[in-house]
């Protein structure tokens, strides 16, 4: 099977925008051209890529699996194109950073803005993604620096490990806020909002309740700390969250308390073991490690 890059690019654009019209605008081509490329891709793959849902295109399960692979290819091509443009323009450098989601809502934008203040000619490439994808991106050279959760899935990474303590977020007015420190015993019967069952915070919370002989009552499962915090604000329960999503929330509507036993988040700042960091990357890495220090335990 010989898939053409233009077919993959059109498919990627439709997933990203949700419509053929949006994809055509993004790629600078006509709608019929995008439709034709999708038709060609469906013929070659021999499965349906999209279902129509109230005027938008909804990806089939097969298309979602395909997108995960094509995403790296298309973004890699975009990265190469941008690198050529930067070289042509003789720009002063490019900062290439990817982080897990909770740091992307405040911590990383603030830090990057501070770093860029005295570098007006520096271009910036920043993405937030799940930790496994960030590791792939750093391995493949799409990004120089990544901040992800452990475990590390690749040997070709240089890791600077960090551990941060989670805090318990409760709705304002919750009777439990009268306690400075909360334990499984005090939280018996309280509805918990948790990450997926394989996430380290969920596993360690289950273990803490099990050891205390208390039943953990889970009410909401989500994949982002930011989502869990939104549910806390709606009064749906309590959640153990990392400090990055808590420190940079400006809306309020919640209170934090210490939880014991301590539930840690194990993370790492990663770079490639096979590619030397640019001078820009080295400078940003030093600043990043310095700014992370106040969050670290041990």
Protein backbone atom coordinates (compact mmCIF):
# COMPACT_ATOMS: atom_id res chain seq x y z
CA UNK A 1 0.00 0.00 0.00
CA UNK A 2 1.45 3.36 -1.04
CA UNK A 3 -0.27 6.14 0.92
CA UNK A 4 0.42 9.64 -0.36
CA UNK A 5 1.39 12.38 2.07
CA UNK A 6 -1.27 14.72 0.68
CA UNK A 7 -3.96 12.16 1.54
CA UNK A 8 -2.65 11.90 5.10
CA UNK A 9 -2.45 15.70 5.36
CA UNK A 10 -6.08 16.10 4.24
CA UNK A 11 -7.23 13.40 6.66
CA UNK A 12 -5.27 15.04 9.51
CA UNK A 13 -6.77 18.46 8.70
CA UNK A 14 -10.34 17.11 8.71
CA UNK A 15 -9.78 15.49 12.12
CA UNK A 16 -8.28 18.73 13.46
CA UNK A 17 -11.02 21.04 12.13
CA UNK A 18 -14.02 18.70 12.13
CA UNK A 19 -15.20 19.67 8.64
CA UNK A 20 -14.09 19.43 5.01
CA UNK A 21 -14.56 23.21 4.74
CA UNK A 22 -12.22 23.82 7.67
CA UNK A 23 -9.66 21.41 6.26
CA UNK A 24 -9.78 23.09 2.85
CA UNK A 25 -9.21 26.50 4.44
CA UNK A 26 -6.35 25.16 6.54
CA UNK A 27 -4.63 23.57 3.55
CA UNK A 28 -5.43 26.32 1.08
CA UNK A 29 -7.21 24.02 -1.39
CA UNK A 30 -10.79 23.52 -2.58
CA UNK A 31 -13.39 21.44 -0.73
CA UNK A 32 -13.70 18.99 -3.65
CA UNK A 33 -9.93 18.47 -3.53
CA UNK A 34 -10.11 17.50 0.16
CA UNK A 35 -13.10 15.21 -0.46
CA UNK A 36 -11.26 13.52 -3.32
CA UNK A 37 -8.18 12.92 -1.15
CA UNK A 38 -10.35 11.38 1.58
CA UNK A 39 -12.06 9.17 -0.99
CA UNK A 40 -8.69 7.98 -2.27
CA UNK A 41 -7.51 7.24 1.29
CA UNK A 42 -10.68 5.26 2.09
CA UNK A 43 -10.24 3.20 -1.07
CA UNK A 44 -6.64 2.37 -0.21
CA UNK A 45 -7.26 1.59 3.47
CA UNK A 46 -10.50 -0.30 2.69
CA UNK A 47 -12.38 1.06 5.69
CA UNK A 48 -14.67 4.01 6.34
CA UNK A 49 -12.99 7.03 7.89
CA UNK A 50 -15.91 9.28 8.87
CA UNK A 51 -19.58 9.31 9.80
CA UNK A 52 -21.67 12.48 9.48
CA UNK A 53 -22.99 13.87 12.79
CA UNK A 54 -25.12 17.05 12.59
CA UNK A 55 -23.08 18.61 9.83
CA UNK A 56 -19.71 17.59 11.21
CA UNK A 57 -17.56 14.60 10.39
CA UNK A 58 -17.10 12.13 13.23
CA UNK A 59 -14.08 9.86 12.95
CA UNK A 60 -14.68 6.10 13.07
CA UNK A 61 -12.70 4.02 15.62
CA UNK A 62 -10.43 2.86 12.78
CA UNK A 63 -9.79 6.47 11.76
CA UNK A 64 -8.88 7.42 15.33
CA UNK A 65 -6.26 4.67 15.44
CA UNK A 66 -4.89 5.77 12.08
CA UNK A 67 -4.78 9.40 13.23
CA UNK A 68 -2.41 8.57 16.08
CA UNK A 69 0.19 7.38 13.59
CA UNK A 70 -0.45 10.04 10.96
CA UNK A 71 -0.30 12.82 13.55
CA UNK A 72 3.43 12.26 14.11
CA UNK A 73 4.11 12.15 10.36
CA UNK A 74 2.20 15.36 9.55
CA UNK A 75 3.57 17.29 12.52
CA UNK A 76 7.05 16.08 11.63
CA UNK A 77 6.67 17.46 8.11
CA UNK A 78 5.38 20.77 9.51
CA UNK A 79 8.38 20.87 11.81
CA UNK A 80 10.78 20.35 8.88
CA UNK A 81 9.00 23.05 6.87
CA UNK A 82 9.28 25.49 9.77
CA UNK A 83 12.97 24.64 10.20
CA UNK A 84 13.61 25.51 6.55
CA UNK A 85 11.75 28.81 6.94
CA UNK A 86 13.76 29.62 10.05
CA UNK A 87 17.02 28.93 8.23
CA UNK A 88 15.92 31.02 5.26
CA UNK A 89 15.02 33.91 7.53
CA UNK A 90 18.21 33.44 9.58
CA UNK A 91 16.19 33.59 12.77
CA UNK A 92 17.99 33.68 16.08
CA UNK A 93 16.80 30.22 17.07
CA UNK A 94 13.74 28.19 17.92
CA UNK A 95 12.53 27.00 21.29
CA UNK A 96 10.92 23.56 20.97
CA UNK A 97 9.09 22.40 24.10
CA UNK A 98 6.28 19.95 24.82
CA UNK A 99 4.62 19.38 28.18
CA UNK A 100 1.92 17.28 29.77
CA UNK A 101 -1.46 18.99 29.94
CA UNK A 102 -1.67 20.38 33.49
CA UNK A 103 1.49 22.48 33.04
CA UNK A 104 0.23 23.92 29.73
CA UNK A 105 -2.57 26.06 31.23
CA UNK A 106 -0.35 28.47 33.16
CA UNK A 107 3.08 27.32 34.26
CA UNK A 108 4.63 26.77 30.83
CA UNK A 109 3.10 29.82 29.05
CA UNK A 110 4.33 32.07 31.88
CA UNK A 111 7.81 30.54 31.83
CA UNK A 112 8.11 30.67 28.03
CA UNK A 113 6.91 34.29 27.99
CA UNK A 114 9.54 35.20 30.59
CA UNK A 115 12.24 33.42 28.56
CA UNK A 116 11.16 35.09 25.31
CA UNK A 117 11.08 38.60 26.77
CA UNK A 118 14.68 39.38 25.80
CA UNK A 119 14.66 37.24 22.64
CA UNK A 120 12.33 39.02 20.19
CA UNK A 121 13.65 37.09 17.17
CA UNK A 122 13.23 33.64 18.72
CA UNK A 123 10.45 31.46 17.29
CA UNK A 124 8.57 29.15 19.65
CA UNK A 125 7.07 25.73 19.11
CA UNK A 126 4.99 24.51 22.07
CA UNK A 127 2.55 21.61 22.36
CA UNK A 128 0.73 19.88 25.21
CA UNK A 129 0.03 16.19 24.91
CA UNK A 130 -0.15 12.92 26.82
CA UNK A 131 3.17 11.80 28.30
CA UNK A 132 3.75 8.81 26.01
CA UNK A 133 3.38 11.04 22.95
CA UNK A 134 5.76 13.64 24.37
CA UNK A 135 8.41 10.94 24.76
CA UNK A 136 7.91 9.92 21.12
CA UNK A 137 8.25 13.53 19.97
CA UNK A 138 11.51 14.09 21.85
CA UNK A 139 12.87 10.76 20.62
CA UNK A 140 12.04 11.63 16.99
CA UNK A 141 13.46 15.16 17.23
CA UNK A 142 10.16 17.00 16.85
CA UNK A 143 10.82 18.72 20.18
CA UNK A 144 14.06 19.31 22.04
CA UNK A 145 12.65 19.37 25.57
CA UNK A 146 9.69 17.55 27.07
CA UNK A 147 8.06 17.46 30.49
CA UNK A 148 6.14 14.24 31.06
CA UNK A 149 4.93 11.80 33.65
CA UNK A 150 6.86 8.60 34.21
CA UNK A 151 7.49 5.78 33.46
CA UNK A 152 9.83 6.48 30.55
CA UNK A 153 9.09 4.15 27.64
CA UNK A 154 12.30 4.68 25.64
CA UNK A 155 15.99 4.14 26.39
CA UNK A 156 17.21 7.01 24.21
CA UNK A 157 16.16 9.78 26.61
CA UNK A 158 18.08 11.82 29.16
CA UNK A 159 15.79 12.30 32.15
CA UNK A 160 15.88 14.83 34.98
CA UNK A 161 13.39 13.28 37.44
CA UNK A 162 11.14 15.37 39.66
CA UNK A 163 8.53 14.49 42.28
CA UNK A 164 5.67 16.79 43.21
CA UNK A 165 3.09 16.39 45.95
CA UNK A 166 -0.58 16.36 45.03
CA UNK A 167 -3.09 18.36 47.04
CA UNK A 168 -6.74 17.60 47.73
CA UNK A 169 -9.13 20.05 46.05
CA UNK A 170 -12.57 20.46 47.63
CA UNK A 171 -15.57 22.64 46.70
CA UNK A 172 -15.86 25.89 48.61
CA UNK A 173 -18.15 25.39 51.58
CA UNK A 174 -17.50 21.66 51.88
CA UNK A 175 -17.66 20.70 55.59
CA UNK A 176 -14.33 18.86 55.23
CA UNK A 177 -12.44 22.13 54.78
CA UNK A 178 -12.42 22.55 58.55
CA UNK A 179 -9.58 19.99 58.60
CA UNK A 180 -6.06 21.14 57.76
CA UNK A 181 -5.01 17.60 56.85
CA UNK A 182 -7.36 15.02 55.35
CA UNK A 183 -6.96 11.24 55.50
CA UNK A 184 -8.86 8.26 54.07
CA UNK A 185 -10.65 7.88 57.40
CA UNK A 186 -11.92 11.48 57.30
CA UNK A 187 -12.87 11.10 53.64
CA UNK A 188 -14.92 7.93 54.07
CA UNK A 189 -18.02 8.25 51.88
CA UNK A 190 -16.81 11.40 50.12
CA UNK A 191 -17.22 11.19 46.30
CA UNK A 192 -13.81 11.15 44.59
CA UNK A 193 -13.05 12.50 41.13
CA UNK A 194 -10.13 10.53 39.72
CA UNK A 195 -7.90 10.05 36.71
CA UNK A 196 -8.08 6.80 34.74
CA UNK A 197 -7.45 3.56 36.65
CA UNK A 198 -3.88 3.22 35.33
CA UNK A 199 -2.81 6.72 36.36
CA UNK A 200 -0.32 6.79 39.23
CA UNK A 201 -2.45 9.12 41.38
CA UNK A 202 -5.48 6.84 41.06
CA UNK A 203 -3.47 3.71 41.87
CA UNK A 204 -1.80 5.29 44.88
CA UNK A 205 -5.07 6.71 46.19
CA UNK A 206 -6.68 3.26 45.97
CA UNK A 207 -3.71 1.78 47.87
CA UNK A 208 -3.94 4.45 50.60
CA UNK A 209 -7.66 3.77 51.15
CA UNK A 210 -7.12 0.01 51.03
CA UNK A 211 -4.39 0.16 53.68
CA UNK A 212 -6.64 2.32 55.85
CA UNK A 213 -9.51 -0.15 55.48
CA UNK A 214 -11.73 2.53 53.94
CA UNK A 215 -13.78 2.16 50.73
CA UNK A 216 -12.80 4.66 48.02
CA UNK A 217 -16.01 6.03 46.51
CA UNK A 218 -15.26 7.14 42.94
CA UNK A 219 -17.82 9.25 41.12
CA UNK A 220 -16.11 10.74 38.05
CA UNK A 221 -13.26 9.43 35.88
CA UNK A 222 -11.48 11.87 33.56
CA UNK A 223 -8.19 12.08 31.66
CA UNK A 224 -7.08 15.62 32.58
CA UNK A 225 -6.52 17.25 35.98
CA UNK A 226 -8.08 20.41 34.54
CA UNK A 227 -11.33 18.52 33.93
CA UNK A 228 -11.32 17.10 37.46
CA UNK A 229 -10.88 20.59 38.92
CA UNK A 230 -13.90 21.80 36.93
CA UNK A 231 -15.99 19.01 38.45
CA UNK A 232 -14.74 19.97 41.93
CA UNK A 233 -15.94 23.55 41.34
CA UNK A 234 -19.36 22.18 40.38
CA UNK A 235 -19.56 20.50 43.79
CA UNK A 236 -19.41 16.94 42.47
CA UNK A 237 -16.68 15.72 44.79
CA UNK A 238 -13.02 16.01 45.78
CA UNK A 239 -9.88 15.31 43.76
CA UNK A 240 -6.15 14.87 44.29
CA UNK A 241 -4.48 17.20 41.77
CA UNK A 242 -0.97 18.29 40.93
CA UNK A 243 0.08 21.82 41.99
CA UNK A 244 0.49 23.11 38.42
CA UNK A 245 -3.21 23.03 37.60
CA UNK A 246 -4.08 24.41 41.07
CA UNK A 247 -1.55 27.26 41.23
CA UNK A 248 -2.52 28.75 37.89
CA UNK A 249 -6.30 28.60 38.22
CA UNK A 250 -7.62 32.16 38.42
CA UNK A 251 -11.33 31.42 38.81
CA UNK A 252 -11.49 30.07 42.36
CA UNK A 253 -14.43 28.05 43.59
CA UNK A 254 -12.32 25.46 45.39
CA UNK A 255 -10.15 25.00 48.49
CA UNK A 256 -7.02 22.86 48.83
CA UNK A 257 -5.93 20.74 51.76
CA UNK A 258 -2.98 18.46 52.51
CA UNK A 259 -3.70 14.75 52.10
CA UNK A 260 -1.98 12.02 54.07
CA UNK A 261 -0.51 9.59 53.27
CA UNK A 262 1.35 11.71 50.72
CA UNK A 263 0.45 10.99 47.07
CA UNK A 264 3.32 11.94 44.76
CA UNK A 265 3.42 12.65 41.05
CA UNK A 266 6.60 11.33 39.46
CA UNK A 267 7.62 13.31 36.40
CA UNK A 268 10.70 14.01 34.31
CA UNK A 269 12.17 16.72 32.15
CA UNK A 270 13.45 14.84 29.10
CA UNK A 271 15.84 15.48 26.21
CA UNK A 272 17.23 13.21 23.52
CA UNK A 273 20.31 11.16 24.36
CA UNK A 274 21.39 11.17 20.71
CA UNK A 275 20.87 14.82 19.73
CA UNK A 276 22.78 17.70 21.35
CA UNK A 277 20.65 20.53 22.67
CA UNK A 278 20.76 23.86 20.84
CA UNK A 279 22.07 26.86 22.78
CA UNK A 280 18.47 28.07 23.12
CA UNK A 281 17.47 24.66 24.46
CA UNK A 282 20.31 24.61 26.98
CA UNK A 283 19.38 28.04 28.32
CA UNK A 284 15.68 27.19 28.61
CA UNK A 285 16.42 23.83 30.26
CA UNK A 286 18.44 25.56 32.98
CA UNK A 287 15.59 28.04 33.62
CA UNK A 288 12.97 25.28 33.60
CA UNK A 289 14.83 23.17 36.18
CA UNK A 290 15.28 26.25 38.37
CA UNK A 291 11.56 27.15 38.22
CA UNK A 292 10.50 23.57 38.96
CA UNK A 293 12.62 23.35 42.10
CA UNK A 294 10.05 24.95 44.47
CA UNK A 295 7.50 22.32 43.43
CA UNK A 296 9.79 19.36 44.07
CA UNK A 297 9.74 17.18 47.17
CA UNK A 298 12.74 15.22 48.50
